[in-house]
C-alpha atoms as a PDB file:
ATOM      1  CA  MET A   1     -33.572 -10.476 -27.035  1.00  0.00           C
ATOM      2  CA  GLU A   2     -34.562  -8.566 -29.760  1.00  0.00           C
ATOM      3  CA  THR A   3     -37.108  -9.157 -32.626  1.00  0.00           C
ATOM      4  CA  LYS A   4     -35.240 -10.751 -35.113  1.00  0.00           C
ATOM      5  CA  ASP A   5     -33.679 -13.364 -32.625  1.00  0.00           C
ATOM      6  CA  VAL A   6     -37.048 -13.698 -31.331  1.00  0.00           C
ATOM      7  CA  ILE A   7     -38.523 -14.504 -34.605  1.00  0.00           C
ATOM      8  CA  LEU A   8     -35.300 -16.933 -35.739  1.00  0.00           C
ATOM      9  CA  GLN A   9     -36.165 -18.501 -32.075  1.00  0.00           C
ATOM     10  CA  LEU A  10     -40.142 -19.160 -32.843  1.00  0.00           C
ATOM     11  CA  ARG A  11     -39.287 -20.183 -36.650  1.00  0.00           C
ATOM     12  CA  ILE A  12     -36.482 -22.857 -35.609  1.00  0.00           C
ATOM     13  CA  GLN A  13     -38.192 -24.134 -32.426  1.00  0.00           C
ATOM     14  CA  ASN A  14     -41.099 -25.039 -34.778  1.00  0.00           C
ATOM     15  CA  GLY A  15     -39.187 -26.443 -37.859  1.00  0.00           C
ATOM     16  CA  TRP A  16     -39.919 -24.228 -40.396  1.00  0.00           C
ATOM     17  CA  THR A  17     -37.989 -22.749 -43.091  1.00  0.00           C
ATOM     18  CA  GLN A  18     -38.210 -19.071 -44.032  1.00  0.00           C
ATOM     19  CA  GLU A  19     -39.494 -20.092 -47.404  1.00  0.00           C
ATOM     20  CA  GLU A  20     -42.287 -22.280 -44.867  1.00  0.00           C
ATOM     21  CA  LEU A  21     -42.806 -19.019 -42.867  1.00  0.00           C
ATOM     22  CA  ALA A  22     -42.855 -16.938 -45.565  1.00  0.00           C
ATOM     23  CA  GLU A  23     -45.594 -18.926 -47.301  1.00  0.00           C
ATOM     24  CA  LYS A  24     -47.892 -18.705 -44.200  1.00  0.00           C
ATOM     25  CA  LEU A  25     -47.326 -14.868 -43.809  1.00  0.00           C
ATOM     26  CA  CYS A  26     -47.980 -14.776 -47.607  1.00  0.00           C
ATOM     27  CA  VAL A  27     -44.988 -12.144 -47.586  1.00  0.00           C
ATOM     28  CA  THR A  28     -41.449 -13.596 -49.778  1.00  0.00           C
ATOM     29  CA  ARG A  29     -38.574 -15.536 -48.223  1.00  0.00           C
ATOM     30  CA  GLN A  30     -36.558 -12.415 -48.426  1.00  0.00           C
ATOM     31  CA  ALA A  31     -38.674 -10.494 -46.282  1.00  0.00           C
ATOM     32  CA  VAL A  32     -38.104 -13.320 -43.288  1.00  0.00           C
ATOM     33  CA  SER A  33     -34.820 -13.080 -43.850  1.00  0.00           C
ATOM     34  CA  ARG A  34     -34.373  -9.422 -43.866  1.00  0.00           C
ATOM     35  CA  TRP A  35     -36.250  -9.576 -39.991  1.00  0.00           C
ATOM     36  CA  GLU A  36     -34.086 -12.217 -39.086  1.00  0.00           C
ATOM     37  CA  SER A  37     -30.991 -10.124 -40.072  1.00  0.00           C
ATOM     38  CA  GLY A  38     -32.317  -7.125 -38.534  1.00  0.00           C
ATOM     39  CA  GLU A  39     -32.215  -5.354 -41.711  1.00  0.00           C
ATOM     40  CA  THR A  40     -36.298  -4.358 -41.393  1.00  0.00           C
ATOM     41  CA  THR A  41     -39.088  -4.910 -38.365  1.00  0.00           C
ATOM     42  CA  PRO A  42     -42.450  -6.484 -39.598  1.00  0.00           C
ATOM     43  CA  ASN A  43     -45.214  -3.814 -40.110  1.00  0.00           C
ATOM     44  CA  THR A  44     -48.080  -3.999 -37.427  1.00  0.00           C
ATOM     45  CA  GLU A  45     -50.364  -6.102 -39.632  1.00  0.00           C
ATOM     46  CA  THR A  46     -47.244  -8.912 -40.183  1.00  0.00           C
ATOM     47  CA  LEU A  47     -46.597  -8.498 -36.174  1.00  0.00           C
ATOM     48  CA  LYS A  48     -50.275  -9.493 -35.711  1.00  0.00           C
ATOM     49  CA  LEU A  49     -49.951 -12.503 -38.018  1.00  0.00           C
ATOM     50  CA  LEU A  50     -46.767 -13.533 -36.412  1.00  0.00           C
ATOM     51  CA  SER A  51     -48.190 -13.174 -32.787  1.00  0.00           C
ATOM     52  CA  ALA A  52     -51.055 -15.304 -33.615  1.00  0.00           C
ATOM     53  CA  LEU A  53     -49.133 -17.757 -36.035  1.00  0.00           C
ATOM     54  CA  PHE A  54     -46.360 -18.316 -33.056  1.00  0.00           C
ATOM     55  CA  GLY A  55     -48.956 -18.351 -29.952  1.00  0.00           C
ATOM     56  CA  VAL A  56     -46.893 -15.237 -28.272  1.00  0.00           C
ATOM     57  CA  SER A  57     -47.597 -11.886 -27.185  1.00  0.00           C
ATOM     58  CA  ILE A  58     -46.585  -9.068 -30.066  1.00  0.00           C
ATOM     59  CA  ASN A  59     -44.643  -7.805 -26.977  1.00  0.00           C
ATOM     60  CA  THR A  60     -42.863 -10.936 -27.051  1.00  0.00           C
ATOM     61  CA  LEU A  61     -42.027 -10.362 -30.165  1.00  0.00           C
ATOM     62  CA  LEU A  62     -40.477  -6.695 -29.816  1.00  0.00           C
ATOM     63  CA  GLY A  63     -38.538  -8.213 -27.260  1.00  0.00           C
ATOM     64  CA  SER A  64     -40.213  -7.774 -24.341  1.00  0.00           C
ATOM     65  CA  PRO A  65     -39.963  -9.849 -21.324  1.00  0.00           C
END
């Protein structure tokens, strides 16, 4: 699974909109949209925040089994 798919799946599992996730990470909704479309990937600091927020490892976010 790619990073974009992992972020989308985890966001939906938590019942959050892109806007809600963006607020939790202090980023724009457009940034979340670009991650989920695969246009960009989160930077290292944001990956750390996502990891803590979702309770998964950074490797999981990056698509490692």
